[in-house]
Amino acid sequence: MRQAGVLAAGGIYALDNIAPKLQVDHTNAEILAKGIHNMKDLGLDVDLKSVETNMMYFNVNHRTVFSQ
């Protein structure tokens, strides 16, 4: 635990500087998910109900991606 102060400093910095900006990330993820959802002809599927944080997942279902 000799380097615990270095790890604690990173955590304190994140709480002071990064955590307040998380809501912007959440909003941006929701905007991106809605944009992908509205472009149905691209073959991308996203479940809008699953976008609750700054993480967003989508599936690629376009015929050209899977053709061989």
PDB file of N, CA and C in Angstrom:
ATOM      1  N   MET A   1       0.819  -1.189   0.000  1.00  0.00           N
ATOM      2  CA  MET A   1       0.000   0.000   0.000  1.00  0.00           C
ATOM      3  C   MET A   1       0.869   1.261   0.000  1.00  0.00           C
ATOM      4  N   ARG A   2       2.081   1.109  -0.417  1.00  0.00           N
ATOM      5  CA  ARG A   2       3.001   2.236  -0.438  1.00  0.00           C
ATOM      6  C   ARG A   2       2.567   3.298  -1.440  1.00  0.00           C
ATOM      7  N   GLN A   3       1.896   2.902  -2.535  1.00  0.00           N
ATOM      8  CA  GLN A   3       1.496   3.836  -3.585  1.00  0.00           C
ATOM      9  C   GLN A   3       0.002   4.196  -3.505  1.00  0.00           C
ATOM     10  N   ALA A   4      -0.619   3.979  -2.395  1.00  0.00           N
ATOM     11  CA  ALA A   4      -2.061   4.229  -2.259  1.00  0.00           C
ATOM     12  C   ALA A   4      -2.407   5.699  -2.497  1.00  0.00           C
ATOM     13  N   GLY A   5      -1.531   6.587  -2.150  1.00  0.00           N
ATOM     14  CA  GLY A   5      -1.781   8.019  -2.358  1.00  0.00           C
ATOM     15  C   GLY A   5      -1.896   8.374  -3.827  1.00  0.00           C
ATOM     16  N   VAL A   6      -1.110   7.722  -4.670  1.00  0.00           N
ATOM     17  CA  VAL A   6      -1.167   7.964  -6.114  1.00  0.00           C
ATOM     18  C   VAL A   6      -2.521   7.521  -6.658  1.00  0.00           C
ATOM     19  N   LEU A   7      -2.987   6.355  -6.230  1.00  0.00           N
ATOM     20  CA  LEU A   7      -4.295   5.871  -6.662  1.00  0.00           C
ATOM     21  C   LEU A   7      -5.415   6.762  -6.119  1.00  0.00           C
ATOM     22  N   ALA A   8      -5.294   7.184  -4.886  1.00  0.00           N
ATOM     23  CA  ALA A   8      -6.314   8.044  -4.285  1.00  0.00           C
ATOM     24  C   ALA A   8      -6.380   9.389  -5.009  1.00  0.00           C
ATOM     25  N   ALA A   9      -5.248   9.910  -5.421  1.00  0.00           N
ATOM     26  CA  ALA A   9      -5.230  11.191  -6.128  1.00  0.00           C
ATOM     27  C   ALA A   9      -6.002  11.091  -7.443  1.00  0.00           C
ATOM     28  N   GLY A  10      -5.850   9.972  -8.144  1.00  0.00           N
ATOM     29  CA  GLY A  10      -6.602   9.770  -9.386  1.00  0.00           C
ATOM     30  C   GLY A  10      -8.096   9.717  -9.127  1.00  0.00           C
ATOM     31  N   GLY A  11      -8.490   9.055  -8.057  1.00  0.00           N
ATOM     32  CA  GLY A  11      -9.900   8.971  -7.695  1.00  0.00           C
ATOM     33  C   GLY A  11     -10.475  10.323  -7.299  1.00  0.00           C
ATOM     34  N   ILE A  12      -9.721  11.080  -6.545  1.00  0.00           N
ATOM     35  CA  ILE A  12     -10.179  12.411  -6.128  1.00  0.00           C
ATOM     36  C   ILE A  12     -10.324  13.326  -7.341  1.00  0.00           C
ATOM     37  N   TYR A  13      -9.359  13.253  -8.261  1.00  0.00           N
ATOM     38  CA  TYR A  13      -9.447  14.065  -9.477  1.00  0.00           C
ATOM     39  C   TYR A  13     -10.696  13.695 -10.277  1.00  0.00           C
ATOM     40  N   ALA A  14     -10.961  12.395 -10.426  1.00  0.00           N
ATOM     41  CA  ALA A  14     -12.131  11.945 -11.188  1.00  0.00           C
ATOM     42  C   ALA A  14     -13.421  12.436 -10.539  1.00  0.00           C
ATOM     43  N   LEU A  15     -13.522  12.342  -9.230  1.00  0.00           N
ATOM     44  CA  LEU A  15     -14.736  12.809  -8.548  1.00  0.00           C
ATOM     45  C   LEU A  15     -14.934  14.311  -8.694  1.00  0.00           C
ATOM     46  N   ASP A  16     -13.846  15.063  -8.669  1.00  0.00           N
ATOM     47  CA  ASP A  16     -13.942  16.522  -8.760  1.00  0.00           C
ATOM     48  C   ASP A  16     -14.157  17.025 -10.183  1.00  0.00           C
ATOM     49  N   ASN A  17     -13.565  16.343 -11.175  1.00  0.00           N
ATOM     50  CA  ASN A  17     -13.544  16.883 -12.532  1.00  0.00           C
ATOM     51  C   ASN A  17     -14.329  16.076 -13.571  1.00  0.00           C
ATOM     52  N   ILE A  18     -14.421  14.786 -13.400  1.00  0.00           N
ATOM     53  CA  ILE A  18     -15.048  13.941 -14.404  1.00  0.00           C
ATOM     54  C   ILE A  18     -16.515  13.662 -14.071  1.00  0.00           C
ATOM     55  N   ALA A  19     -16.806  13.326 -12.839  1.00  0.00           N
ATOM     56  CA  ALA A  19     -18.169  12.947 -12.435  1.00  0.00           C
ATOM     57  C   ALA A  19     -19.207  14.016 -12.777  1.00  0.00           C
ATOM     58  N   PRO A  20     -18.920  15.304 -12.589  1.00  0.00           N
ATOM     59  CA  PRO A  20     -19.935  16.307 -12.938  1.00  0.00           C
ATOM     60  C   PRO A  20     -20.264  16.338 -14.437  1.00  0.00           C
ATOM     61  N   LYS A  21     -19.391  15.840 -15.272  1.00  0.00           N
ATOM     62  CA  LYS A  21     -19.605  15.858 -16.723  1.00  0.00           C
ATOM     63  C   LYS A  21     -20.288  14.601 -17.240  1.00  0.00           C
ATOM     64  N   LEU A  22     -20.554  13.639 -16.382  1.00  0.00           N
ATOM     65  CA  LEU A  22     -21.159  12.386 -16.821  1.00  0.00           C
ATOM     66  C   LEU A  22     -22.543  12.577 -17.428  1.00  0.00           C
ATOM     67  N   GLN A  23     -23.322  13.529 -16.938  1.00  0.00           N
ATOM     68  CA  GLN A  23     -24.657  13.746 -17.485  1.00  0.00           C
ATOM     69  C   GLN A  23     -24.584  14.135 -18.960  1.00  0.00           C
ATOM     70  N   VAL A  24     -23.557  14.870 -19.342  1.00  0.00           N
ATOM     71  CA  VAL A  24     -23.369  15.222 -20.754  1.00  0.00           C
ATOM     72  C   VAL A  24     -23.112  13.960 -21.568  1.00  0.00           C
ATOM     73  N   ASP A  25     -22.316  13.046 -21.050  1.00  0.00           N
ATOM     74  CA  ASP A  25     -22.061  11.778 -21.734  1.00  0.00           C
ATOM     75  C   ASP A  25     -23.337  10.956 -21.860  1.00  0.00           C
ATOM     76  N   HIS A  26     -24.145  10.924 -20.833  1.00  0.00           N
ATOM     77  CA  HIS A  26     -25.411  10.182 -20.871  1.00  0.00           C
ATOM     78  C   HIS A  26     -26.329  10.757 -21.951  1.00  0.00           C
ATOM     79  N   THR A  27     -26.407  12.067 -22.003  1.00  0.00           N
ATOM     80  CA  THR A  27     -27.245  12.735 -23.003  1.00  0.00           C
ATOM     81  C   THR A  27     -26.736  12.465 -24.412  1.00  0.00           C
ATOM     82  N   ASN A  28     -25.433  12.530 -24.605  1.00  0.00           N
ATOM     83  CA  ASN A  28     -24.857  12.268 -25.928  1.00  0.00           C
ATOM     84  C   ASN A  28     -25.092  10.832 -26.376  1.00  0.00           C
ATOM     85  N   ALA A  29     -25.010   9.883 -25.464  1.00  0.00           N
ATOM     86  CA  ALA A  29     -25.275   8.480 -25.808  1.00  0.00           C
ATOM     87  C   ALA A  29     -26.724   8.304 -26.232  1.00  0.00           C
ATOM     88  N   GLU A  30     -27.631   8.987 -25.562  1.00  0.00           N
ATOM     89  CA  GLU A  30     -29.048   8.895 -25.912  1.00  0.00           C
ATOM     90  C   GLU A  30     -29.306   9.517 -27.288  1.00  0.00           C
ATOM     91  N   ILE A  31     -28.682  10.636 -27.582  1.00  0.00           N
ATOM     92  CA  ILE A  31     -28.827  11.286 -28.889  1.00  0.00           C
ATOM     93  C   ILE A  31     -28.284  10.381 -29.991  1.00  0.00           C
ATOM     94  N   LEU A  32     -27.130   9.774 -29.756  1.00  0.00           N
ATOM     95  CA  LEU A  32     -26.538   8.861 -30.733  1.00  0.00           C
ATOM     96  C   LEU A  32     -27.440   7.658 -30.961  1.00  0.00           C
ATOM     97  N   ALA A  33     -27.978   7.081 -29.904  1.00  0.00           N
ATOM     98  CA  ALA A  33     -28.860   5.921 -30.032  1.00  0.00           C
ATOM     99  C   ALA A  33     -30.116   6.266 -30.824  1.00  0.00           C
ATOM    100  N   LYS A  34     -30.703   7.425 -30.565  1.00  0.00           N
ATOM    101  CA  LYS A  34     -31.892   7.844 -31.315  1.00  0.00           C
ATOM    102  C   LYS A  34     -31.558   8.070 -32.779  1.00  0.00           C
ATOM    103  N   GLY A  35     -30.384   8.627 -33.064  1.00  0.00           N
ATOM    104  CA  GLY A  35     -29.967   8.833 -34.447  1.00  0.00           C
ATOM    105  C   GLY A  35     -29.792   7.521 -35.188  1.00  0.00           C
ATOM    106  N   ILE A  36     -29.160   6.550 -34.550  1.00  0.00           N
ATOM    107  CA  ILE A  36     -28.985   5.234 -35.171  1.00  0.00           C
ATOM    108  C   ILE A  36     -30.337   4.552 -35.356  1.00  0.00           C
ATOM    109  N   HIS A  37     -31.208   4.690 -34.371  1.00  0.00           N
ATOM    110  CA  HIS A  37     -32.538   4.076 -34.446  1.00  0.00           C
ATOM    111  C   HIS A  37     -33.346   4.654 -35.617  1.00  0.00           C
ATOM    112  N   ASN A  38     -33.190   5.934 -35.892  1.00  0.00           N
ATOM    113  CA  ASN A  38     -33.931   6.588 -36.971  1.00  0.00           C
ATOM    114  C   ASN A  38     -33.396   6.261 -38.355  1.00  0.00           C
ATOM    115  N   MET A  39     -32.188   5.739 -38.459  1.00  0.00           N
ATOM    116  CA  MET A  39     -31.599   5.372 -39.752  1.00  0.00           C
ATOM    117  C   MET A  39     -31.755   3.869 -39.967  1.00  0.00           C
ATOM    118  N   LYS A  40     -32.978   3.433 -40.123  1.00  0.00           N
ATOM    119  CA  LYS A  40     -33.281   2.005 -40.211  1.00  0.00           C
ATOM    120  C   LYS A  40     -32.696   1.346 -41.459  1.00  0.00           C
ATOM    121  N   ASP A  41     -32.501   2.092 -42.535  1.00  0.00           N
ATOM    122  CA  ASP A  41     -32.004   1.503 -43.775  1.00  0.00           C
ATOM    123  C   ASP A  41     -30.523   1.141 -43.726  1.00  0.00           C
ATOM    124  N   LEU A  42     -29.823   1.514 -42.687  1.00  0.00           N
ATOM    125  CA  LEU A  42     -28.403   1.175 -42.562  1.00  0.00           C
ATOM    126  C   LEU A  42     -28.178  -0.240 -42.037  1.00  0.00           C
ATOM    127  N   GLY A  43     -29.209  -0.861 -41.497  1.00  0.00           N
ATOM    128  CA  GLY A  43     -29.064  -2.207 -40.949  1.00  0.00           C
ATOM    129  C   GLY A  43     -28.486  -2.230 -39.553  1.00  0.00           C
ATOM    130  N   LEU A  44     -28.691  -1.154 -38.807  1.00  0.00           N
ATOM    131  CA  LEU A  44     -28.226  -1.085 -37.425  1.00  0.00           C
ATOM    132  C   LEU A  44     -29.439  -1.076 -36.504  1.00  0.00           C
ATOM    133  N   ASP A  45     -29.400  -1.895 -35.473  1.00  0.00           N
ATOM    134  CA  ASP A  45     -30.489  -1.968 -34.501  1.00  0.00           C
ATOM    135  C   ASP A  45     -29.979  -1.552 -33.131  1.00  0.00           C
ATOM    136  N   VAL A  46     -30.745  -0.703 -32.466  1.00  0.00           N
ATOM    137  CA  VAL A  46     -30.415  -0.300 -31.104  1.00  0.00           C
ATOM    138  C   VAL A  46     -31.708  -0.311 -30.287  1.00  0.00           C
ATOM    139  N   ASP A  47     -31.626  -0.838 -29.094  1.00  0.00           N
ATOM    140  CA  ASP A  47     -32.769  -0.856 -28.187  1.00  0.00           C
ATOM    141  C   ASP A  47     -32.712   0.421 -27.354  1.00  0.00           C
ATOM    142  N   LEU A  48     -33.596   1.363 -27.645  1.00  0.00           N
ATOM    143  CA  LEU A  48     -33.561   2.658 -26.965  1.00  0.00           C
ATOM    144  C   LEU A  48     -33.806   2.540 -25.461  1.00  0.00           C
ATOM    145  N   LYS A  49     -34.548   1.534 -25.039  1.00  0.00           N
ATOM    146  CA  LYS A  49     -34.820   1.361 -23.616  1.00  0.00           C
ATOM    147  C   LYS A  49     -33.574   0.961 -22.837  1.00  0.00           C
ATOM    148  N   SER A  50     -32.595   0.378 -23.535  1.00  0.00           N
ATOM    149  CA  SER A  50     -31.393  -0.092 -22.844  1.00  0.00           C
ATOM    150  C   SER A  50     -30.354   1.009 -22.645  1.00  0.00           C
ATOM    151  N   VAL A  51     -30.550   2.168 -23.252  1.00  0.00           N
ATOM    152  CA  VAL A  51     -29.584   3.267 -23.126  1.00  0.00           C
ATOM    153  C   VAL A  51     -29.948   4.082 -21.889  1.00  0.00           C
ATOM    154  N   GLU A  52     -29.285   3.770 -20.802  1.00  0.00           N
ATOM    155  CA  GLU A  52     -29.559   4.456 -19.542  1.00  0.00           C
ATOM    156  C   GLU A  52     -28.341   5.217 -19.027  1.00  0.00           C
ATOM    157  N   THR A  53     -27.180   4.887 -19.531  1.00  0.00           N
ATOM    158  CA  THR A  53     -25.944   5.538 -19.069  1.00  0.00           C
ATOM    159  C   THR A  53     -25.200   6.053 -20.294  1.00  0.00           C
ATOM    160  N   ASN A  54     -23.906   6.265 -20.162  1.00  0.00           N
ATOM    161  CA  ASN A  54     -23.116   6.744 -21.283  1.00  0.00           C
ATOM    162  C   ASN A  54     -22.610   5.599 -22.168  1.00  0.00           C
ATOM    163  N   MET A  55     -23.193   4.418 -22.002  1.00  0.00           N
ATOM    164  CA  MET A  55     -22.819   3.267 -22.831  1.00  0.00           C
ATOM    165  C   MET A  55     -23.988   2.905 -23.729  1.00  0.00           C
ATOM    166  N   MET A  56     -23.680   2.624 -25.004  1.00  0.00           N
ATOM    167  CA  MET A  56     -24.716   2.307 -25.960  1.00  0.00           C
ATOM    168  C   MET A  56     -24.246   1.137 -26.809  1.00  0.00           C
ATOM    169  N   TYR A  57     -25.121   0.168 -27.016  1.00  0.00           N
ATOM    170  CA  TYR A  57     -24.790  -1.004 -27.818  1.00  0.00           C
ATOM    171  C   TYR A  57     -25.766  -1.097 -28.979  1.00  0.00           C
ATOM    172  N   PHE A  58     -25.271  -1.557 -30.121  1.00  0.00           N
ATOM    173  CA  PHE A  58     -26.142  -1.756 -31.267  1.00  0.00           C
ATOM    174  C   PHE A  58     -25.711  -3.003 -32.015  1.00  0.00           C
ATOM    175  N   ASN A  59     -26.637  -3.543 -32.799  1.00  0.00           N
ATOM    176  CA  ASN A  59     -26.380  -4.731 -33.610  1.00  0.00           C
ATOM    177  C   ASN A  59     -26.310  -4.333 -35.074  1.00  0.00           C
ATOM    178  N   VAL A  60     -25.424  -4.989 -35.815  1.00  0.00           N
ATOM    179  CA  VAL A  60     -25.304  -4.770 -37.244  1.00  0.00           C
ATOM    180  C   VAL A  60     -26.041  -5.907 -37.941  1.00  0.00           C
ATOM    181  N   ASN A  61     -27.066  -5.560 -38.689  1.00  0.00           N
ATOM    182  CA  ASN A  61     -27.875  -6.566 -39.378  1.00  0.00           C
ATOM    183  C   ASN A  61     -28.005  -6.255 -40.859  1.00  0.00           C
ATOM    184  N   HIS A  62     -26.973  -5.745 -41.464  1.00  0.00           N
ATOM    185  CA  HIS A  62     -27.041  -5.405 -42.867  1.00  0.00           C
ATOM    186  C   HIS A  62     -26.586  -6.576 -43.712  1.00  0.00           C
ATOM    187  N   ARG A  63     -27.281  -6.820 -44.801  1.00  0.00           N
ATOM    188  CA  ARG A  63     -26.997  -8.003 -45.639  1.00  0.00           C
ATOM    189  C   ARG A  63     -25.587  -7.968 -46.234  1.00  0.00           C
ATOM    190  N   THR A  64     -25.042  -6.796 -46.521  1.00  0.00           N
ATOM    191  CA  THR A  64     -23.706  -6.742 -47.132  1.00  0.00           C
ATOM    192  C   THR A  64     -22.597  -7.102 -46.129  1.00  0.00           C
ATOM    193  N   VAL A  65     -22.867  -6.972 -44.854  1.00  0.00           N
ATOM    194  CA  VAL A  65     -21.858  -7.297 -43.843  1.00  0.00           C
ATOM    195  C   VAL A  65     -21.679  -8.812 -43.741  1.00  0.00           C
ATOM    196  N   PHE A  66     -22.762  -9.543 -43.937  1.00  0.00           N
ATOM    197  CA  PHE A  66     -22.731 -10.981 -43.747  1.00  0.00           C
ATOM    198  C   PHE A  66     -22.629 -11.771 -45.039  1.00  0.00           C
ATOM    199  N   SER A  67     -22.595 -11.092 -46.175  1.00  0.00           N
ATOM    200  CA  SER A  67     -22.495 -11.824 -47.450  1.00  0.00           C
ATOM    201  C   SER A  67     -21.062 -12.255 -47.694  1.00  0.00           C
ATOM    202  N   GLN A  68     -20.906 -13.409 -48.366  1.00  0.00           N
ATOM    203  CA  GLN A  68     -19.545 -13.913 -48.645  1.00  0.00           C
ATOM    204  C   GLN A  68     -19.392 -14.254 -50.084  1.00  0.00           C
TER     205      GLN A  68
END
